[in-house]
Amino acid sequence: MLERGQEVVMVLEDDIRFEPYFRYKLQNILEETRRQNLDWDLIYLGRKRLADPDEESWLSGSRQLVWAGYSYWTLGYLLRYSGAQKLVGGNPLPRLIPVDEYIPVLSDKHPEESWKAHFPQRDLNVLSVAPLLLYPTHYTGEKGYVSDTEDSRVVPETNGKGASTLLDSSPDILLAPSPSSPREDL
């Protein structure tokens, strides 16, 4: 996205279901962002809201966009060029954390202060559509549910130098060695 200069991209997981009239509703959302000249970096199209609904305020003049609070699941979202710059600029690879945690950290909505401390630039402007336009095809425990991360175990640091990552004090973070040439093509 950054190398190609793309202004907006849509990122979708492979196990989602679309709400009826998805394309029409998405066009309305994009038109509203242009009409109101909104300053946004990322818009959730589908997510699991972990914040109290009262902590999420509606955008002034909008009936379909809220300022997203602490959220999980990146079922689908719109990412703007400015958002990609901020995500890459946060240099997450040496402090490898899941994107579900990284987005709330960079938007300063994550409840874990010790994690946020590792990312001083936390100005990612994150919105969400309301109601959501995407949902998972299956939920945890349902027949047909498959996850490659739900039951993952912690992967130990293996760089051979005895160095630890910045976030290795938390057992909830998946730790892995950084690749020798990180990809920065969000």
C-alpha atoms as a PDB file:
ATOM      1  CA  MET A   1       0.000   0.000   0.000  1.00  0.00           C
ATOM      2  CA  LEU A   2       2.731   2.433   0.983  1.00  0.00           C
ATOM      3  CA  GLU A   3       4.985   1.552  -1.945  1.00  0.00           C
ATOM      4  CA  ARG A   4       2.096   1.788  -4.401  1.00  0.00           C
ATOM      5  CA  GLY A   5       0.691   5.002  -2.938  1.00  0.00           C
ATOM      6  CA  GLN A   6      -2.781   3.527  -2.487  1.00  0.00           C
ATOM      7  CA  GLU A   7      -4.980   5.921  -0.523  1.00  0.00           C
ATOM      8  CA  VAL A   8      -7.433   3.369   0.930  1.00  0.00           C
ATOM      9  CA  VAL A   9      -7.455  -0.430   1.044  1.00  0.00           C
ATOM     10  CA  MET A  10      -9.905  -2.906   2.509  1.00  0.00           C
ATOM     11  CA  VAL A  11      -8.496  -5.793   4.553  1.00  0.00           C
ATOM     12  CA  LEU A  12     -10.727  -8.849   5.072  1.00  0.00           C
ATOM     13  CA  GLU A  13     -10.287 -12.102   6.953  1.00  0.00           C
ATOM     14  CA  ASP A  14     -11.169 -15.277   5.084  1.00  0.00           C
ATOM     15  CA  ASP A  15     -13.850 -16.475   7.523  1.00  0.00           C
ATOM     16  CA  ILE A  16     -16.369 -13.651   7.517  1.00  0.00           C
ATOM     17  CA  ARG A  17     -19.936 -13.191   6.437  1.00  0.00           C
ATOM     18  CA  PHE A  18     -21.192 -10.004   4.875  1.00  0.00           C
ATOM     19  CA  GLU A  19     -24.318  -8.255   6.026  1.00  0.00           C
ATOM     20  CA  PRO A  20     -26.970  -7.758   3.331  1.00  0.00           C
ATOM     21  CA  TYR A  21     -26.282  -4.824   1.006  1.00  0.00           C
ATOM     22  CA  PHE A  22     -22.655  -4.690   2.133  1.00  0.00           C
ATOM     23  CA  ARG A  23     -21.388  -2.839  -0.953  1.00  0.00           C
ATOM     24  CA  TYR A  24     -24.153  -0.253  -0.829  1.00  0.00           C
ATOM     25  CA  LYS A  25     -23.583   0.383   2.890  1.00  0.00           C
ATOM     26  CA  LEU A  26     -19.817   0.581   2.386  1.00  0.00           C
ATOM     27  CA  GLN A  27     -20.268   3.148  -0.383  1.00  0.00           C
ATOM     28  CA  ASN A  28     -22.415   5.226   1.988  1.00  0.00           C
ATOM     29  CA  ILE A  29     -19.715   5.062   4.676  1.00  0.00           C
ATOM     30  CA  LEU A  30     -17.016   6.188   2.249  1.00  0.00           C
ATOM     31  CA  GLU A  31     -19.240   8.978   0.967  1.00  0.00           C
ATOM     32  CA  GLU A  32     -19.861  10.160   4.527  1.00  0.00           C
ATOM     33  CA  THR A  33     -16.120  10.265   5.286  1.00  0.00           C
ATOM     34  CA  ARG A  34     -15.575  12.395   2.174  1.00  0.00           C
ATOM     35  CA  ARG A  35     -18.571  14.646   2.754  1.00  0.00           C
ATOM     36  CA  GLN A  36     -17.598  15.363   6.364  1.00  0.00           C
ATOM     37  CA  ASN A  37     -13.880  15.505   5.527  1.00  0.00           C
ATOM     38  CA  LEU A  38     -13.190  13.132   8.430  1.00  0.00           C
ATOM     39  CA  ASP A  39      -9.685  12.607   9.771  1.00  0.00           C
ATOM     40  CA  TRP A  40      -9.478   8.818  10.066  1.00  0.00           C
ATOM     41  CA  ASP A  41      -6.769   6.187   9.703  1.00  0.00           C
ATOM     42  CA  LEU A  42      -8.732   2.945  10.111  1.00  0.00           C
ATOM     43  CA  ILE A  43     -12.429   2.051  10.069  1.00  0.00           C
ATOM     44  CA  TYR A  44     -13.533  -1.289  11.498  1.00  0.00           C
ATOM     45  CA  LEU A  45     -16.145  -2.987   9.342  1.00  0.00           C
ATOM     46  CA  GLY A  46     -16.315  -5.960  11.707  1.00  0.00           C
ATOM     47  CA  ARG A  47     -14.910  -6.356  15.222  1.00  0.00           C
ATOM     48  CA  LYS A  48     -15.544  -7.587  18.736  1.00  0.00           C
ATOM     49  CA  ARG A  49     -16.202  -4.569  20.922  1.00  0.00           C
ATOM     50  CA  LEU A  50     -14.543  -4.954  24.321  1.00  0.00           C
ATOM     51  CA  ALA A  51     -15.112  -1.375  25.487  1.00  0.00           C
ATOM     52  CA  ASP A  52     -18.231  -0.270  27.285  1.00  0.00           C
ATOM     53  CA  PRO A  53     -20.628   1.006  24.588  1.00  0.00           C
ATOM     54  CA  ASP A  54     -20.957   4.256  26.553  1.00  0.00           C
ATOM     55  CA  GLU A  55     -17.225   4.873  25.972  1.00  0.00           C
ATOM     56  CA  GLU A  56     -17.756   5.038  22.213  1.00  0.00           C
ATOM     57  CA  SER A  57     -19.146   8.322  20.993  1.00  0.00           C
ATOM     58  CA  TRP A  58     -20.902   8.899  17.717  1.00  0.00           C
ATOM     59  CA  LEU A  59     -19.170  11.172  15.258  1.00  0.00           C
ATOM     60  CA  SER A  60     -20.901  14.490  15.091  1.00  0.00           C
ATOM     61  CA  GLY A  61     -23.547  14.389  12.380  1.00  0.00           C
ATOM     62  CA  SER A  62     -23.151  10.656  11.744  1.00  0.00           C
ATOM     63  CA  ARG A  63     -25.670   7.865  12.147  1.00  0.00           C
ATOM     64  CA  GLN A  64     -23.259   5.133  11.110  1.00  0.00           C
ATOM     65  CA  LEU A  65     -19.778   5.893  12.531  1.00  0.00           C
ATOM     66  CA  VAL A  66     -18.436   5.857  16.102  1.00  0.00           C
ATOM     67  CA  TRP A  67     -15.009   6.474  17.617  1.00  0.00           C
ATOM     68  CA  ALA A  68     -13.913   2.903  18.315  1.00  0.00           C
ATOM     69  CA  GLY A  69     -12.994   1.938  21.849  1.00  0.00           C
ATOM     70  CA  TYR A  70     -10.989  -1.128  22.841  1.00  0.00           C
ATOM     71  CA  SER A  71     -11.803  -3.766  20.228  1.00  0.00           C
ATOM     72  CA  TYR A  72     -10.693  -7.215  19.212  1.00  0.00           C
ATOM     73  CA  TRP A  73     -10.940  -9.188  16.000  1.00  0.00           C
ATOM     74  CA  THR A  74      -9.834  -7.615  12.770  1.00  0.00           C
ATOM     75  CA  LEU A  75     -12.578  -9.246  10.709  1.00  0.00           C
ATOM     76  CA  GLY A  76     -12.381  -6.447   8.198  1.00  0.00           C
ATOM     77  CA  TYR A  77     -11.382  -2.823   8.080  1.00  0.00           C
ATOM     78  CA  LEU A  78     -10.593   0.064   5.805  1.00  0.00           C
ATOM     79  CA  LEU A  79      -7.046   1.325   6.117  1.00  0.00           C
ATOM     80  CA  ARG A  80      -5.983   4.719   4.886  1.00  0.00           C
ATOM     81  CA  TYR A  81      -2.474   5.588   3.708  1.00  0.00           C
ATOM     82  CA  SER A  82      -1.960   7.694   6.854  1.00  0.00           C
ATOM     83  CA  GLY A  83      -2.958   4.706   8.995  1.00  0.00           C
ATOM     84  CA  ALA A  84      -0.540   2.391   7.205  1.00  0.00           C
ATOM     85  CA  GLN A  85       2.233   4.911   7.821  1.00  0.00           C
ATOM     86  CA  LYS A  86       1.417   4.949  11.529  1.00  0.00           C
ATOM     87  CA  LEU A  87       1.189   1.156  11.789  1.00  0.00           C
ATOM     88  CA  VAL A  88       4.550   0.680  10.064  1.00  0.00           C
ATOM     89  CA  GLY A  89       6.045   3.690  11.885  1.00  0.00           C
ATOM     90  CA  GLY A  90       5.280   2.053  15.237  1.00  0.00           C
ATOM     91  CA  ASN A  91       7.902  -0.565  14.343  1.00  0.00           C
ATOM     92  CA  PRO A  92       5.932  -3.524  15.745  1.00  0.00           C
ATOM     93  CA  LEU A  93       8.116  -6.388  14.503  1.00  0.00           C
ATOM     94  CA  PRO A  94      10.818  -6.210  17.200  1.00  0.00           C
ATOM     95  CA  ARG A  95       7.988  -6.177  19.778  1.00  0.00           C
ATOM     96  CA  LEU A  96       5.812  -8.671  17.965  1.00  0.00           C
ATOM     97  CA  ILE A  97       2.221  -8.401  19.153  1.00  0.00           C
ATOM     98  CA  PRO A  98      -1.003  -9.513  17.454  1.00  0.00           C
ATOM     99  CA  VAL A  99      -2.697  -6.941  15.263  1.00  0.00           C
ATOM    100  CA  ASP A 100      -5.797  -7.269  17.497  1.00  0.00           C
ATOM    101  CA  GLU A 101      -3.687  -5.769  20.291  1.00  0.00           C
ATOM    102  CA  TYR A 102      -1.541  -3.461  18.154  1.00  0.00           C
ATOM    103  CA  ILE A 103      -4.407  -1.410  16.724  1.00  0.00           C
ATOM    104  CA  PRO A 104      -5.876  -0.587  20.167  1.00  0.00           C
ATOM    105  CA  VAL A 105      -2.378   0.200  21.476  1.00  0.00           C
ATOM    106  CA  LEU A 106      -1.670   2.668  18.650  1.00  0.00           C
ATOM    107  CA  SER A 107      -5.079   4.294  19.105  1.00  0.00           C
ATOM    108  CA  ASP A 108      -4.406   4.605  22.848  1.00  0.00           C
ATOM    109  CA  LYS A 109      -7.486   2.479  23.671  1.00  0.00           C
ATOM    110  CA  HIS A 110      -5.706  -0.595  25.048  1.00  0.00           C
ATOM    111  CA  PRO A 111      -6.202  -1.134  28.800  1.00  0.00           C
ATOM    112  CA  GLU A 112      -2.674  -2.486  29.383  1.00  0.00           C
ATOM    113  CA  GLU A 113      -0.536   0.574  30.128  1.00  0.00           C
ATOM    114  CA  SER A 114       2.724  -1.414  30.157  1.00  0.00           C
ATOM    115  CA  TRP A 115       2.144  -2.451  26.535  1.00  0.00           C
ATOM    116  CA  LYS A 116       1.267   1.067  25.441  1.00  0.00           C
ATOM    117  CA  ALA A 117       4.476   2.361  27.011  1.00  0.00           C
ATOM    118  CA  HIS A 118       6.489   0.607  24.280  1.00  0.00           C
ATOM    119  CA  PHE A 119       4.747   2.631  21.575  1.00  0.00           C
ATOM    120  CA  PRO A 120       5.027   6.340  22.414  1.00  0.00           C
ATOM    121  CA  GLN A 121       3.261   7.501  19.222  1.00  0.00           C
ATOM    122  CA  ARG A 122      -0.375   6.479  19.863  1.00  0.00           C
ATOM    123  CA  ASP A 123      -2.430   8.693  17.560  1.00  0.00           C
ATOM    124  CA  LEU A 124      -4.088   6.192  15.220  1.00  0.00           C
ATOM    125  CA  ASN A 125      -7.591   7.566  14.515  1.00  0.00           C
ATOM    126  CA  VAL A 126      -9.870   4.526  14.600  1.00  0.00           C
ATOM    127  CA  LEU A 127     -13.558   4.560  13.767  1.00  0.00           C
ATOM    128  CA  SER A 128     -16.105   1.771  13.501  1.00  0.00           C
ATOM    129  CA  VAL A 129     -19.238   1.372  11.502  1.00  0.00           C
ATOM    130  CA  ALA A 130     -22.359   0.908  13.593  1.00  0.00           C
ATOM    131  CA  PRO A 131     -24.049  -1.397  13.069  1.00  0.00           C
ATOM    132  CA  LEU A 132     -21.249  -3.658  11.876  1.00  0.00           C
ATOM    133  CA  LEU A 133     -21.092  -4.848   8.266  1.00  0.00           C
ATOM    134  CA  LEU A 134     -19.071  -8.041   8.861  1.00  0.00           C
ATOM    135  CA  TYR A 135     -19.319 -10.928  11.315  1.00  0.00           C
ATOM    136  CA  PRO A 136     -17.411 -14.195  11.773  1.00  0.00           C
ATOM    137  CA  THR A 137     -18.831 -17.256  10.037  1.00  0.00           C
ATOM    138  CA  HIS A 138     -18.358 -19.269  13.258  1.00  0.00           C
ATOM    139  CA  TYR A 139     -17.825 -18.413  16.901  1.00  0.00           C
ATOM    140  CA  THR A 140     -15.578 -20.200  19.398  1.00  0.00           C
ATOM    141  CA  GLY A 141     -17.018 -23.597  20.301  1.00  0.00           C
ATOM    142  CA  GLU A 142     -19.446 -23.800  17.386  1.00  0.00           C
ATOM    143  CA  LYS A 143     -19.384 -26.724  14.989  1.00  0.00           C
ATOM    144  CA  GLY A 144     -17.041 -25.876  12.127  1.00  0.00           C
ATOM    145  CA  TYR A 145     -15.029 -23.352  14.156  1.00  0.00           C
ATOM    146  CA  VAL A 146     -11.314 -23.485  13.377  1.00  0.00           C
ATOM    147  CA  SER A 147      -8.616 -21.196  14.737  1.00  0.00           C
ATOM    148  CA  ASP A 148      -4.898 -21.124  14.135  1.00  0.00           C
ATOM    149  CA  THR A 149      -4.381 -18.772  17.077  1.00  0.00           C
ATOM    150  CA  GLU A 150      -6.925 -19.503  19.851  1.00  0.00           C
ATOM    151  CA  ASP A 151      -4.903 -22.339  21.372  1.00  0.00           C
ATOM    152  CA  SER A 152      -1.458 -21.124  20.336  1.00  0.00           C
ATOM    153  CA  ARG A 153       1.374 -21.519  22.769  1.00  0.00           C
ATOM    154  CA  VAL A 154       4.074 -18.949  23.408  1.00  0.00           C
ATOM    155  CA  VAL A 155       6.957 -19.280  20.979  1.00  0.00           C
ATOM    156  CA  PRO A 156      10.289 -18.662  22.714  1.00  0.00           C
ATOM    157  CA  GLU A 157      12.828 -16.120  21.493  1.00  0.00           C
ATOM    158  CA  THR A 158      15.384 -17.979  19.354  1.00  0.00           C
ATOM    159  CA  ASN A 159      17.783 -15.331  18.123  1.00  0.00           C
ATOM    160  CA  GLY A 160      20.675 -17.025  19.964  1.00  0.00           C
ATOM    161  CA  LYS A 161      21.867 -13.812  21.592  1.00  0.00           C
ATOM    162  CA  GLY A 162      19.874 -14.119  24.784  1.00  0.00           C
ATOM    163  CA  ALA A 163      18.059 -10.889  23.938  1.00  0.00           C
ATOM    164  CA  SER A 164      14.434 -10.639  24.872  1.00  0.00           C
ATOM    165  CA  THR A 165      11.724  -8.676  23.176  1.00  0.00           C
ATOM    166  CA  LEU A 166      10.283  -5.608  24.836  1.00  0.00           C
ATOM    167  CA  LEU A 167       6.971  -7.223  25.647  1.00  0.00           C
ATOM    168  CA  ASP A 168       8.189 -10.609  26.838  1.00  0.00           C
ATOM    169  CA  SER A 169       7.184  -9.880  30.414  1.00  0.00           C
ATOM    170  CA  SER A 170       3.566 -10.610  29.515  1.00  0.00           C
ATOM    171  CA  PRO A 171       2.626 -14.274  29.104  1.00  0.00           C
ATOM    172  CA  ASP A 172      -0.303 -13.245  26.916  1.00  0.00           C
ATOM    173  CA  ILE A 173       1.896 -11.975  24.087  1.00  0.00           C
ATOM    174  CA  LEU A 174       3.072 -14.252  21.317  1.00  0.00           C
ATOM    175  CA  LEU A 175       6.849 -13.847  21.124  1.00  0.00           C
ATOM    176  CA  ALA A 176       8.856 -14.775  18.074  1.00  0.00           C
ATOM    177  CA  PRO A 177      12.137 -13.702  16.535  1.00  0.00           C
ATOM    178  CA  SER A 178      12.017 -10.786  14.143  1.00  0.00           C
ATOM    179  CA  PRO A 179      12.665 -11.618  10.495  1.00  0.00           C
ATOM    180  CA  SER A 180      15.991 -10.424   9.133  1.00  0.00           C
ATOM    181  CA  SER A 181      14.251  -8.299   6.540  1.00  0.00           C
ATOM    182  CA  PRO A 182      10.874  -7.131   7.857  1.00  0.00           C
ATOM    183  CA  ARG A 183       8.065  -6.537   5.426  1.00  0.00           C
ATOM    184  CA  GLU A 184       6.767  -3.036   5.405  1.00  0.00           C
ATOM    185  CA  ASP A 185       4.222  -3.364   2.636  1.00  0.00           C
ATOM    186  CA  LEU A 186       1.007  -2.782   4.584  1.00  0.00           C
END
